[in-house]
Amino acid sequence: MILYLGRRLLGVVGVLIAIAAVTFTIFYVLPADPAAAACGKSCSADRLAAIRAHMGLDQPVWRQFADFVTGIFTGRTIGSGQYTLHCEFPCLGYSYENSQAVWELLMDRLPVSASLAFGAAALWLGLGLSAGVTAALCKDTLADRVLMVGAVAAASLPVYFTSVLLIYGLIRATGLLPYPQYVPLGSDPVQWASNLLLPWLALAILYAAMYARQSRSSMIETMAEPYIRTARAKGLPRRTVVVKHGLRAGMTPVLTIFGMDLGGLLAGAVITESIFGLPGVGRLFYGALSSGDQPVILGVTLLAATFIVLANLAVDLLYAVVDPRVRY
């Protein structure tokens, strides 16, 4: 297991360096000029040249990328003279739009996105798996048809449309919930949950519908396996057959999808955070796209890639625990 984990970690590092290279090339080599974006519209040629030198854009591309990667692991100094900025480890660059290091910006916003992602994930797993397993065990019955029709309908609704419906129904029409305003978990857990319940529901409805369909098909396939028939022939209770033998094997594909979805959401749900005004990573990314803040765009992209790669690693490790053959 240690050797397997070591190989996987080396692979993770290689993938992240490759993603950093591609992202860096897209944002710093293509025609868009970060120095021009930082300088503004009324920018003289001398001022632009000074900003390019300050940002290190007058260096060869390979040197810029080497400095960027080195800064992630050791920190680095940006600029010189009275305009010197020291970017602490891990340095993902400096946002001149926000006058703050990109890593600090991300860490300020990450608790909001993490709260949104984990809360929504708990809801959609509970709703989706319950609906999918129930539909699989009641295959071709009225309950199965109702659940699957509901899942298809929910999956067809865009998240922004669902969010607007929830805002109108649960806030404006009935006043059952407050309009979301992020409250840190440590300050007031009750307010934290009540303010995030609406965004959780908006995301959970969409994801639960997809998980219900996936878990239903996986469970139907698993419950038709010979070892399930053997377990039934031995006289094992139905609950034991379903939970211990069927659910454990049938949820393997769902585990893979869950790792990808959770990893992506940890880097921010752009639409949901924008609609509900949550100051998360997704909203930061949207603002950076609007203003052309390339260091922030690059930082969010790398953060998202890191979460997705680590989520895949966690899924692979869980597979290795269940099936030792994948270690070799």
C-alpha atoms as a PDB file:
ATOM      1  CA  MET A   1       0.000   0.000   0.000  1.00  0.00           C
ATOM      2  CA  ILE A   2       2.877   2.396   0.790  1.00  0.00           C
ATOM      3  CA  LEU A   3       4.454   1.819  -2.633  1.00  0.00           C
ATOM      4  CA  TYR A   4       1.067   2.248  -4.295  1.00  0.00           C
ATOM      5  CA  LEU A   5       0.483   5.499  -2.429  1.00  0.00           C
ATOM      6  CA  GLY A   6       3.967   6.722  -3.342  1.00  0.00           C
ATOM      7  CA  ARG A   7       3.396   6.055  -7.041  1.00  0.00           C
ATOM      8  CA  ARG A   8       0.068   7.828  -6.932  1.00  0.00           C
ATOM      9  CA  LEU A   9       1.516  10.878  -5.147  1.00  0.00           C
ATOM     10  CA  LEU A  10       4.264  11.168  -7.731  1.00  0.00           C
ATOM     11  CA  GLY A  11       1.609  11.005 -10.409  1.00  0.00           C
ATOM     12  CA  VAL A  12      -0.372  13.754  -8.643  1.00  0.00           C
ATOM     13  CA  VAL A  13       2.685  16.033  -8.571  1.00  0.00           C
ATOM     14  CA  GLY A  14       3.338  15.397 -12.265  1.00  0.00           C
ATOM     15  CA  VAL A  15      -0.261  16.121 -13.220  1.00  0.00           C
ATOM     16  CA  LEU A  16      -0.325  19.365 -11.230  1.00  0.00           C
ATOM     17  CA  ILE A  17       2.936  20.569 -12.806  1.00  0.00           C
ATOM     18  CA  ALA A  18       1.541  19.781 -16.256  1.00  0.00           C
ATOM     19  CA  ILE A  19      -1.681  21.662 -15.457  1.00  0.00           C
ATOM     20  CA  ALA A  20       0.347  24.594 -14.132  1.00  0.00           C
ATOM     21  CA  ALA A  21       2.384  24.683 -17.349  1.00  0.00           C
ATOM     22  CA  VAL A  22      -0.677  24.618 -19.592  1.00  0.00           C
ATOM     23  CA  THR A  23      -2.554  27.199 -17.508  1.00  0.00           C
ATOM     24  CA  PHE A  24       0.484  29.437 -17.268  1.00  0.00           C
ATOM     25  CA  THR A  25       0.935  29.267 -21.036  1.00  0.00           C
ATOM     26  CA  ILE A  26      -2.714  30.148 -21.667  1.00  0.00           C
ATOM     27  CA  PHE A  27      -2.758  33.167 -19.376  1.00  0.00           C
ATOM     28  CA  TYR A  28       0.754  34.535 -19.790  1.00  0.00           C
ATOM     29  CA  VAL A  29       1.882  33.670 -23.318  1.00  0.00           C
ATOM     30  CA  LEU A  30      -1.283  34.283 -25.345  1.00  0.00           C
ATOM     31  CA  PRO A  31      -2.036  37.846 -26.530  1.00  0.00           C
ATOM     32  CA  ALA A  32      -3.731  39.005 -23.294  1.00  0.00           C
ATOM     33  CA  ASP A  33      -1.205  41.084 -21.329  1.00  0.00           C
ATOM     34  CA  PRO A  34      -1.394  40.940 -17.506  1.00  0.00           C
ATOM     35  CA  ALA A  35       0.688  44.124 -17.278  1.00  0.00           C
ATOM     36  CA  ALA A  36      -1.770  46.045 -19.458  1.00  0.00           C
ATOM     37  CA  ALA A  37      -4.671  44.815 -17.320  1.00  0.00           C
ATOM     38  CA  ALA A  38      -2.881  45.957 -14.146  1.00  0.00           C
ATOM     39  CA  CYS A  39      -1.871  49.295 -15.651  1.00  0.00           C
ATOM     40  CA  GLY A  40      -5.374  50.317 -16.720  1.00  0.00           C
ATOM     41  CA  LYS A  41      -6.748  52.129 -19.765  1.00  0.00           C
ATOM     42  CA  SER A  42      -4.827  55.406 -19.470  1.00  0.00           C
ATOM     43  CA  CYS A  43      -1.371  53.843 -19.350  1.00  0.00           C
ATOM     44  CA  SER A  44       1.767  55.318 -20.879  1.00  0.00           C
ATOM     45  CA  ALA A  45       4.404  53.188 -22.604  1.00  0.00           C
ATOM     46  CA  ASP A  46       6.948  53.924 -19.870  1.00  0.00           C
ATOM     47  CA  ARG A  47       4.477  52.998 -17.145  1.00  0.00           C
ATOM     48  CA  LEU A  48       3.579  49.778 -18.970  1.00  0.00           C
ATOM     49  CA  ALA A  49       7.258  48.846 -19.352  1.00  0.00           C
ATOM     50  CA  ALA A  50       7.846  49.499 -15.641  1.00  0.00           C
ATOM     51  CA  ILE A  51       4.902  47.289 -14.670  1.00  0.00           C
ATOM     52  CA  ARG A  52       6.083  44.519 -17.001  1.00  0.00           C
ATOM     53  CA  ALA A  53       9.507  44.633 -15.372  1.00  0.00           C
ATOM     54  CA  HIS A  54       7.921  44.692 -11.907  1.00  0.00           C
ATOM     55  CA  MET A  55       5.807  41.614 -12.712  1.00  0.00           C
ATOM     56  CA  GLY A  56       8.771  39.818 -14.283  1.00  0.00           C
ATOM     57  CA  LEU A  57       7.138  39.713 -17.714  1.00  0.00           C
ATOM     58  CA  ASP A  58      10.297  41.031 -19.342  1.00  0.00           C
ATOM     59  CA  GLN A  59      12.017  37.727 -18.526  1.00  0.00           C
ATOM     60  CA  PRO A  60      12.043  34.691 -20.851  1.00  0.00           C
ATOM     61  CA  VAL A  61       8.954  32.512 -20.591  1.00  0.00           C
ATOM     62  CA  TRP A  62      10.867  29.573 -19.156  1.00  0.00           C
ATOM     63  CA  ARG A  63      12.260  31.816 -16.418  1.00  0.00           C
ATOM     64  CA  GLN A  64       8.806  33.175 -15.587  1.00  0.00           C
ATOM     65  CA  PHE A  65       7.405  29.655 -15.276  1.00  0.00           C
ATOM     66  CA  ALA A  66      10.377  28.481 -13.194  1.00  0.00           C
ATOM     67  CA  ASP A  67       9.902  31.429 -10.823  1.00  0.00           C
ATOM     68  CA  PHE A  68       6.179  30.711 -10.609  1.00  0.00           C
ATOM     69  CA  VAL A  69       6.656  27.012  -9.751  1.00  0.00           C
ATOM     70  CA  THR A  70       9.475  27.775  -7.315  1.00  0.00           C
ATOM     71  CA  GLY A  71       7.292  30.353  -5.608  1.00  0.00           C
ATOM     72  CA  ILE A  72       4.585  27.765  -4.967  1.00  0.00           C
ATOM     73  CA  PHE A  73       6.999  25.729  -2.848  1.00  0.00           C
ATOM     74  CA  THR A  74       9.292  28.389  -1.359  1.00  0.00           C
ATOM     75  CA  GLY A  75       7.662  31.785  -1.854  1.00  0.00           C
ATOM     76  CA  ARG A  76       9.251  34.524  -3.941  1.00  0.00           C
ATOM     77  CA  THR A  77       9.955  38.218  -4.208  1.00  0.00           C
ATOM     78  CA  ILE A  78       8.018  40.194  -6.826  1.00  0.00           C
ATOM     79  CA  GLY A  79       9.489  43.429  -8.165  1.00  0.00           C
ATOM     80  CA  SER A  80      12.421  45.411  -6.830  1.00  0.00           C
ATOM     81  CA  GLY A  81      13.273  48.617  -5.020  1.00  0.00           C
ATOM     82  CA  GLN A  82      10.518  50.463  -3.181  1.00  0.00           C
ATOM     83  CA  TYR A  83       7.851  48.414  -4.967  1.00  0.00           C
ATOM     84  CA  THR A  84       9.177  45.051  -3.792  1.00  0.00           C
ATOM     85  CA  LEU A  85       6.518  42.586  -2.709  1.00  0.00           C
ATOM     86  CA  HIS A  86       7.306  39.419  -0.787  1.00  0.00           C
ATOM     87  CA  CYS A  87       4.860  36.635  -1.617  1.00  0.00           C
ATOM     88  CA  GLU A  88       4.841  34.069   1.173  1.00  0.00           C
ATOM     89  CA  PHE A  89       4.780  30.299   0.617  1.00  0.00           C
ATOM     90  CA  PRO A  90       2.763  28.995  -1.157  1.00  0.00           C
ATOM     91  CA  CYS A  91       2.906  31.860  -3.654  1.00  0.00           C
ATOM     92  CA  LEU A  92       0.388  31.681  -6.497  1.00  0.00           C
ATOM     93  CA  GLY A  93       1.059  35.230  -7.607  1.00  0.00           C
ATOM     94  CA  TYR A  94      -0.171  38.653  -6.603  1.00  0.00           C
ATOM     95  CA  SER A  95      -3.496  40.244  -7.530  1.00  0.00           C
ATOM     96  CA  TYR A  96      -2.975  43.922  -8.328  1.00  0.00           C
ATOM     97  CA  GLU A  97      -6.745  44.309  -8.690  1.00  0.00           C
ATOM     98  CA  ASN A  98      -7.258  43.318  -5.036  1.00  0.00           C
ATOM     99  CA  SER A  99      -3.825  44.392  -3.708  1.00  0.00           C
ATOM    100  CA  GLN A 100      -3.453  41.011  -2.070  1.00  0.00           C
ATOM    101  CA  ALA A 101      -1.592  37.758  -2.626  1.00  0.00           C
ATOM    102  CA  VAL A 102      -3.657  35.227  -4.573  1.00  0.00           C
ATOM    103  CA  TRP A 103      -3.190  32.527  -1.920  1.00  0.00           C
ATOM    104  CA  GLU A 104      -4.556  34.832   0.788  1.00  0.00           C
ATOM    105  CA  LEU A 105      -7.559  35.655  -1.399  1.00  0.00           C
ATOM    106  CA  LEU A 106      -8.262  31.970  -1.956  1.00  0.00           C
ATOM    107  CA  MET A 107      -7.937  31.090   1.721  1.00  0.00           C
ATOM    108  CA  ASP A 108     -10.323  33.918   2.660  1.00  0.00           C
ATOM    109  CA  ARG A 109     -12.954  32.566   0.260  1.00  0.00           C
ATOM    110  CA  LEU A 110     -12.369  28.808   0.611  1.00  0.00           C
ATOM    111  CA  PRO A 111     -14.342  28.313   3.882  1.00  0.00           C
ATOM    112  CA  VAL A 112     -17.467  29.604   2.122  1.00  0.00           C
ATOM    113  CA  SER A 113     -17.061  27.282  -0.863  1.00  0.00           C
ATOM    114  CA  ALA A 114     -16.146  24.339   1.386  1.00  0.00           C
ATOM    115  CA  SER A 115     -19.243  24.915   3.528  1.00  0.00           C
ATOM    116  CA  LEU A 116     -21.398  25.053   0.413  1.00  0.00           C
ATOM    117  CA  ALA A 117     -19.791  21.966  -1.156  1.00  0.00           C
ATOM    118  CA  PHE A 118     -19.861  19.650   1.876  1.00  0.00           C
ATOM    119  CA  GLY A 119     -23.369  20.624   2.936  1.00  0.00           C
ATOM    120  CA  ALA A 120     -24.781  20.169  -0.547  1.00  0.00           C
ATOM    121  CA  ALA A 121     -22.882  16.880  -0.943  1.00  0.00           C
ATOM    122  CA  ALA A 122     -24.409  15.474   2.240  1.00  0.00           C
ATOM    123  CA  LEU A 123     -27.888  16.396   1.005  1.00  0.00           C
ATOM    124  CA  TRP A 124     -27.533  15.069  -2.533  1.00  0.00           C
ATOM    125  CA  LEU A 125     -25.935  11.813  -1.380  1.00  0.00           C
ATOM    126  CA  GLY A 126     -28.731  11.171   1.082  1.00  0.00           C
ATOM    127  CA  LEU A 127     -31.514  12.089  -1.341  1.00  0.00           C
ATOM    128  CA  GLY A 128     -29.956  10.612  -4.471  1.00  0.00           C
ATOM    129  CA  LEU A 129     -28.883   7.283  -3.024  1.00  0.00           C
ATOM    130  CA  SER A 130     -32.167   6.804  -1.180  1.00  0.00           C
ATOM    131  CA  ALA A 131     -34.189   7.476  -4.330  1.00  0.00           C
ATOM    132  CA  GLY A 132     -31.916   5.375  -6.545  1.00  0.00           C
ATOM    133  CA  VAL A 133     -31.771   2.334  -4.288  1.00  0.00           C
ATOM    134  CA  THR A 134     -35.520   2.472  -3.654  1.00  0.00           C
ATOM    135  CA  ALA A 135     -36.209   2.657  -7.383  1.00  0.00           C
ATOM    136  CA  ALA A 136     -33.848  -0.269  -8.058  1.00  0.00           C
ATOM    137  CA  LEU A 137     -35.471  -2.475  -5.427  1.00  0.00           C
ATOM    138  CA  CYS A 138     -38.925  -1.536  -6.763  1.00  0.00           C
ATOM    139  CA  LYS A 139     -37.967  -1.940 -10.409  1.00  0.00           C
ATOM    140  CA  ASP A 140     -40.801  -1.529 -12.943  1.00  0.00           C
ATOM    141  CA  THR A 141     -43.299  -0.526 -10.272  1.00  0.00           C
ATOM    142  CA  LEU A 142     -45.201   2.742  -9.861  1.00  0.00           C
ATOM    143  CA  ALA A 143     -42.707   3.927  -7.232  1.00  0.00           C
ATOM    144  CA  ASP A 144     -39.828   3.322  -9.643  1.00  0.00           C
ATOM    145  CA  ARG A 145     -41.499   5.283 -12.430  1.00  0.00           C
ATOM    146  CA  VAL A 146     -42.447   8.192 -10.178  1.00  0.00           C
ATOM    147  CA  LEU A 147     -38.945   8.474  -8.752  1.00  0.00           C
ATOM    148  CA  MET A 148     -37.251   8.313 -12.150  1.00  0.00           C
ATOM    149  CA  VAL A 149     -39.640  10.801 -13.748  1.00  0.00           C
ATOM    150  CA  GLY A 150     -38.967  13.145 -10.855  1.00  0.00           C
ATOM    151  CA  ALA A 151     -35.209  12.613 -11.253  1.00  0.00           C
ATOM    152  CA  VAL A 152     -35.328  13.375 -14.975  1.00  0.00           C
ATOM    153  CA  ALA A 153     -37.386  16.501 -14.339  1.00  0.00           C
ATOM    154  CA  ALA A 154     -35.026  17.725 -11.609  1.00  0.00           C
ATOM    155  CA  ALA A 155     -31.924  17.023 -13.705  1.00  0.00           C
ATOM    156  CA  SER A 156     -33.427  19.044 -16.559  1.00  0.00           C
ATOM    157  CA  LEU A 157     -33.735  22.225 -14.491  1.00  0.00           C
ATOM    158  CA  PRO A 158     -30.719  24.559 -14.616  1.00  0.00           C
ATOM    159  CA  VAL A 159     -29.350  25.442 -11.206  1.00  0.00           C
ATOM    160  CA  TYR A 160     -30.036  29.154 -11.708  1.00  0.00           C
ATOM    161  CA  PHE A 161     -33.722  28.424 -12.426  1.00  0.00           C
ATOM    162  CA  THR A 162     -34.008  26.213  -9.339  1.00  0.00           C
ATOM    163  CA  SER A 163     -32.283  28.897  -7.266  1.00  0.00           C
ATOM    164  CA  VAL A 164     -34.755  31.567  -8.386  1.00  0.00           C
ATOM    165  CA  LEU A 165     -37.704  29.288  -7.579  1.00  0.00           C
ATOM    166  CA  LEU A 166     -36.320  28.554  -4.116  1.00  0.00           C
ATOM    167  CA  ILE A 167     -35.686  32.244  -3.425  1.00  0.00           C
ATOM    168  CA  TYR A 168     -39.225  33.166  -4.422  1.00  0.00           C
ATOM    169  CA  GLY A 169     -40.920  30.245  -2.667  1.00  0.00           C
ATOM    170  CA  LEU A 170     -38.955  30.036   0.584  1.00  0.00           C
ATOM    171  CA  ILE A 171     -37.927  33.670   1.085  1.00  0.00           C
ATOM    172  CA  ARG A 172     -40.235  36.128  -0.655  1.00  0.00           C
ATOM    173  CA  ALA A 173     -43.541  34.222  -0.648  1.00  0.00           C
ATOM    174  CA  THR A 174     -43.380  32.413   2.695  1.00  0.00           C
ATOM    175  CA  GLY A 175     -40.455  33.904   4.599  1.00  0.00           C
ATOM    176  CA  LEU A 176     -39.451  30.472   5.890  1.00  0.00           C
ATOM    177  CA  LEU A 177     -35.730  31.077   5.383  1.00  0.00           C
ATOM    178  CA  PRO A 178     -33.530  34.188   5.536  1.00  0.00           C
ATOM    179  CA  TYR A 179     -31.732  35.413   2.451  1.00  0.00           C
ATOM    180  CA  PRO A 180     -28.315  33.707   2.575  1.00  0.00           C
ATOM    181  CA  GLN A 181     -25.549  35.653   4.290  1.00  0.00           C
ATOM    182  CA  TYR A 182     -22.494  33.621   5.145  1.00  0.00           C
ATOM    183  CA  VAL A 183     -21.920  33.170   8.872  1.00  0.00           C
ATOM    184  CA  PRO A 184     -18.743  31.287   9.921  1.00  0.00           C
ATOM    185  CA  LEU A 185     -19.400  27.872  11.401  1.00  0.00           C
ATOM    186  CA  GLY A 186     -17.431  28.684  14.536  1.00  0.00           C
ATOM    187  CA  SER A 187     -19.439  31.841  15.207  1.00  0.00           C
ATOM    188  CA  ASP A 188     -22.941  30.360  15.154  1.00  0.00           C
ATOM    189  CA  PRO A 189     -23.548  26.833  13.797  1.00  0.00           C
ATOM    190  CA  VAL A 190     -27.321  27.330  13.660  1.00  0.00           C
ATOM    191  CA  GLN A 191     -27.082  30.556  11.645  1.00  0.00           C
ATOM    192  CA  TRP A 192     -24.393  28.966   9.488  1.00  0.00           C
ATOM    193  CA  ALA A 193     -26.715  26.121   8.514  1.00  0.00           C
ATOM    194  CA  SER A 194     -29.898  28.184   8.145  1.00  0.00           C
ATOM    195  CA  ASN A 195     -28.196  30.703   5.867  1.00  0.00           C
ATOM    196  CA  LEU A 196     -26.694  27.999   3.661  1.00  0.00           C
ATOM    197  CA  LEU A 197     -29.746  25.737   3.478  1.00  0.00           C
ATOM    198  CA  LEU A 198     -31.136  27.429   0.378  1.00  0.00           C
ATOM    199  CA  PRO A 199     -27.897  27.176  -1.672  1.00  0.00           C
ATOM    200  CA  TRP A 200     -27.505  23.589  -0.457  1.00  0.00           C
ATOM    201  CA  LEU A 201     -30.964  22.755  -1.761  1.00  0.00           C
ATOM    202  CA  ALA A 202     -30.314  24.460  -5.105  1.00  0.00           C
ATOM    203  CA  LEU A 203     -27.240  22.305  -5.711  1.00  0.00           C
ATOM    204  CA  ALA A 204     -28.598  19.153  -4.086  1.00  0.00           C
ATOM    205  CA  ILE A 205     -31.714  18.990  -6.274  1.00  0.00           C
ATOM    206  CA  LEU A 206     -29.619  18.880  -9.436  1.00  0.00           C
ATOM    207  CA  TYR A 207     -26.969  16.457  -8.186  1.00  0.00           C
ATOM    208  CA  ALA A 208     -29.429  14.212  -6.331  1.00  0.00           C
ATOM    209  CA  ALA A 209     -31.334  13.645  -9.570  1.00  0.00           C
ATOM    210  CA  MET A 210     -28.178  12.524 -11.369  1.00  0.00           C
ATOM    211  CA  TYR A 211     -27.080  10.327  -8.462  1.00  0.00           C
ATOM    212  CA  ALA A 212     -30.516   8.726  -8.259  1.00  0.00           C
ATOM    213  CA  ARG A 213     -30.321   7.632 -11.896  1.00  0.00           C
ATOM    214  CA  GLN A 214     -26.730   6.400 -11.563  1.00  0.00           C
ATOM    215  CA  SER A 215     -27.304   4.506  -8.315  1.00  0.00           C
ATOM    216  CA  ARG A 216     -30.474   2.907  -9.682  1.00  0.00           C
ATOM    217  CA  SER A 217     -28.729   1.478 -12.739  1.00  0.00           C
ATOM    218  CA  SER A 218     -25.744   0.325 -10.656  1.00  0.00           C
ATOM    219  CA  MET A 219     -27.932  -1.383  -8.073  1.00  0.00           C
ATOM    220  CA  ILE A 220     -30.058  -3.130 -10.703  1.00  0.00           C
ATOM    221  CA  GLU A 221     -26.916  -4.505 -12.343  1.00  0.00           C
ATOM    222  CA  THR A 222     -25.392  -5.548  -9.020  1.00  0.00           C
ATOM    223  CA  MET A 223     -28.546  -7.227  -7.684  1.00  0.00           C
ATOM    224  CA  ALA A 224     -28.577  -9.462 -10.783  1.00  0.00           C
ATOM    225  CA  GLU A 225     -25.082 -10.852 -10.047  1.00  0.00           C
ATOM    226  CA  PRO A 226     -24.700 -14.573  -9.181  1.00  0.00           C
ATOM    227  CA  TYR A 227     -23.258 -13.902  -5.724  1.00  0.00           C
ATOM    228  CA  ILE A 228     -26.416 -11.968  -4.814  1.00  0.00           C
ATOM    229  CA  ARG A 229     -28.530 -14.964  -5.792  1.00  0.00           C
ATOM    230  CA  THR A 230     -26.207 -17.165  -3.720  1.00  0.00           C
ATOM    231  CA  ALA A 231     -26.626 -14.895  -0.705  1.00  0.00           C
ATOM    232  CA  ARG A 232     -30.388 -15.078  -1.077  1.00  0.00           C
ATOM    233  CA  ALA A 233     -30.266 -18.864  -1.468  1.00  0.00           C
ATOM    234  CA  LYS A 234     -28.357 -19.106   1.808  1.00  0.00           C
ATOM    235  CA  GLY A 235     -31.321 -17.495   3.529  1.00  0.00           C
ATOM    236  CA  LEU A 236     -29.635 -14.235   4.467  1.00  0.00           C
ATOM    237  CA  PRO A 237     -32.020 -11.444   5.482  1.00  0.00           C
ATOM    238  CA  ARG A 238     -33.023  -9.081   2.671  1.00  0.00           C
ATOM    239  CA  ARG A 239     -31.484  -6.130   4.481  1.00  0.00           C
ATOM    240  CA  THR A 240     -28.127  -7.901   4.747  1.00  0.00           C
ATOM    241  CA  VAL A 241     -28.202  -8.862   1.067  1.00  0.00           C
ATOM    242  CA  VAL A 242     -29.038  -5.334  -0.038  1.00  0.00           C
ATOM    243  CA  VAL A 243     -26.806  -3.332   2.302  1.00  0.00           C
ATOM    244  CA  LYS A 244     -23.788  -5.583   2.854  1.00  0.00           C
ATOM    245  CA  HIS A 245     -23.542  -7.266  -0.526  1.00  0.00           C
ATOM    246  CA  GLY A 246     -25.476  -5.160  -3.024  1.00  0.00           C
ATOM    247  CA  LEU A 247     -24.981  -1.582  -1.873  1.00  0.00           C
ATOM    248  CA  ARG A 248     -21.252  -1.900  -1.233  1.00  0.00           C
ATOM    249  CA  ALA A 249     -20.522  -3.136  -4.752  1.00  0.00           C
ATOM    250  CA  GLY A 250     -23.206  -1.109  -6.501  1.00  0.00           C
ATOM    251  CA  MET A 251     -22.016   2.223  -5.164  1.00  0.00           C
ATOM    252  CA  THR A 252     -18.498   1.935  -6.629  1.00  0.00           C
ATOM    253  CA  PRO A 253     -19.350   3.950  -9.786  1.00  0.00           C
ATOM    254  CA  VAL A 254     -21.127   6.517  -7.626  1.00  0.00           C
ATOM    255  CA  LEU A 255     -17.979   6.886  -5.527  1.00  0.00           C
ATOM    256  CA  THR A 256     -15.991   7.874  -8.627  1.00  0.00           C
ATOM    257  CA  ILE A 257     -18.525  10.502  -9.671  1.00  0.00           C
ATOM    258  CA  PHE A 258     -18.766  11.833  -6.120  1.00  0.00           C
ATOM    259  CA  GLY A 259     -15.017  12.425  -5.932  1.00  0.00           C
ATOM    260  CA  MET A 260     -15.077  14.436  -9.154  1.00  0.00           C
ATOM    261  CA  ASP A 261     -18.151  16.461  -8.187  1.00  0.00           C
ATOM    262  CA  LEU A 262     -16.963  17.294  -4.676  1.00  0.00           C
ATOM    263  CA  GLY A 263     -13.486  18.211  -5.900  1.00  0.00           C
ATOM    264  CA  GLY A 264     -14.946  20.566  -8.486  1.00  0.00           C
ATOM    265  CA  LEU A 265     -17.351  22.223  -6.047  1.00  0.00           C
ATOM    266  CA  LEU A 266     -14.617  22.871  -3.482  1.00  0.00           C
ATOM    267  CA  ALA A 267     -13.132  25.301  -5.990  1.00  0.00           C
ATOM    268  CA  GLY A 268     -16.399  27.215  -6.067  1.00  0.00           C
ATOM    269  CA  ALA A 269     -19.878  26.961  -7.550  1.00  0.00           C
ATOM    270  CA  VAL A 270     -19.802  30.052  -9.754  1.00  0.00           C
ATOM    271  CA  ILE A 271     -23.518  30.292 -10.573  1.00  0.00           C
ATOM    272  CA  THR A 272     -24.825  29.395  -7.115  1.00  0.00           C
ATOM    273  CA  GLU A 273     -22.448  31.696  -5.253  1.00  0.00           C
ATOM    274  CA  SER A 274     -23.226  34.564  -7.625  1.00  0.00           C
ATOM    275  CA  ILE A 275     -27.009  34.172  -7.346  1.00  0.00           C
ATOM    276  CA  PHE A 276     -27.004  33.977  -3.549  1.00  0.00           C
ATOM    277  CA  GLY A 277     -24.237  36.552  -3.081  1.00  0.00           C
ATOM    278  CA  LEU A 278     -21.926  34.183  -1.219  1.00  0.00           C
ATOM    279  CA  PRO A 279     -18.299  35.394  -1.064  1.00  0.00           C
ATOM    280  CA  GLY A 280     -16.776  32.092  -2.144  1.00  0.00           C
ATOM    281  CA  VAL A 281     -14.059  31.053  -4.566  1.00  0.00           C
ATOM    282  CA  GLY A 282     -16.556  30.777  -7.426  1.00  0.00           C
ATOM    283  CA  ARG A 283     -17.642  34.392  -7.027  1.00  0.00           C
ATOM    284  CA  LEU A 284     -14.008  35.460  -6.798  1.00  0.00           C
ATOM    285  CA  PHE A 285     -13.349  33.605 -10.057  1.00  0.00           C
ATOM    286  CA  TYR A 286     -16.274  35.309 -11.763  1.00  0.00           C
ATOM    287  CA  GLY A 287     -15.033  38.716 -10.672  1.00  0.00           C
ATOM    288  CA  ALA A 288     -11.524  37.893 -11.898  1.00  0.00           C
ATOM    289  CA  LEU A 289     -12.894  36.889 -15.295  1.00  0.00           C
ATOM    290  CA  SER A 290     -14.827  40.139 -15.534  1.00  0.00           C
ATOM    291  CA  SER A 291     -11.826  42.302 -14.643  1.00  0.00           C
ATOM    292  CA  GLY A 292      -9.176  40.215 -16.416  1.00  0.00           C
ATOM    293  CA  ASP A 293      -7.305  39.523 -13.152  1.00  0.00           C
ATOM    294  CA  GLN A 294      -5.116  36.765 -14.585  1.00  0.00           C
ATOM    295  CA  PRO A 295      -3.169  35.847 -11.405  1.00  0.00           C
ATOM    296  CA  VAL A 296      -6.476  35.102  -9.648  1.00  0.00           C
ATOM    297  CA  ILE A 297      -7.796  33.152 -12.648  1.00  0.00           C
ATOM    298  CA  LEU A 298      -4.606  31.097 -12.683  1.00  0.00           C
ATOM    299  CA  GLY A 299      -4.756  30.529  -8.931  1.00  0.00           C
ATOM    300  CA  VAL A 300      -8.388  29.380  -8.939  1.00  0.00           C
ATOM    301  CA  THR A 301      -7.689  27.078 -11.892  1.00  0.00           C
ATOM    302  CA  LEU A 302      -4.789  25.439 -10.067  1.00  0.00           C
ATOM    303  CA  LEU A 303      -6.837  25.174  -6.865  1.00  0.00           C
ATOM    304  CA  ALA A 304      -9.652  23.435  -8.741  1.00  0.00           C
ATOM    305  CA  ALA A 305      -7.199  21.085 -10.438  1.00  0.00           C
ATOM    306  CA  THR A 306      -5.605  20.250  -7.091  1.00  0.00           C
ATOM    307  CA  PHE A 307      -8.923  19.396  -5.465  1.00  0.00           C
ATOM    308  CA  ILE A 308     -10.015  17.231  -8.403  1.00  0.00           C
ATOM    309  CA  VAL A 309      -6.698  15.364  -8.561  1.00  0.00           C
ATOM    310  CA  LEU A 310      -6.698  14.800  -4.785  1.00  0.00           C
ATOM    311  CA  ALA A 311     -10.303  13.607  -4.932  1.00  0.00           C
ATOM    312  CA  ASN A 312      -9.317  11.104  -7.628  1.00  0.00           C
ATOM    313  CA  LEU A 313      -6.412   9.975  -5.451  1.00  0.00           C
ATOM    314  CA  ALA A 314      -8.750   9.441  -2.503  1.00  0.00           C
ATOM    315  CA  VAL A 315     -11.099   7.401  -4.720  1.00  0.00           C
ATOM    316  CA  ASP A 316      -8.172   5.295  -5.973  1.00  0.00           C
ATOM    317  CA  LEU A 317      -7.076   4.624  -2.404  1.00  0.00           C
ATOM    318  CA  LEU A 318     -10.576   3.531  -1.464  1.00  0.00           C
ATOM    319  CA  TYR A 319     -10.573   1.216  -4.481  1.00  0.00           C
ATOM    320  CA  ALA A 320      -7.239  -0.190  -3.291  1.00  0.00           C
ATOM    321  CA  VAL A 321      -8.741  -0.963   0.111  1.00  0.00           C
ATOM    322  CA  VAL A 322     -11.712  -2.747  -1.442  1.00  0.00           C
ATOM    323  CA  ASP A 323      -9.806  -4.500  -4.260  1.00  0.00           C
ATOM    324  CA  PRO A 324      -6.042  -5.082  -3.646  1.00  0.00           C
ATOM    325  CA  ARG A 325      -5.523  -5.949  -7.325  1.00  0.00           C
ATOM    326  CA  VAL A 326      -5.507  -2.264  -8.308  1.00  0.00           C
ATOM    327  CA  ARG A 327      -2.315  -1.725  -6.304  1.00  0.00           C
ATOM    328  CA  TYR A 328      -0.202  -3.614  -8.822  1.00  0.00           C
END
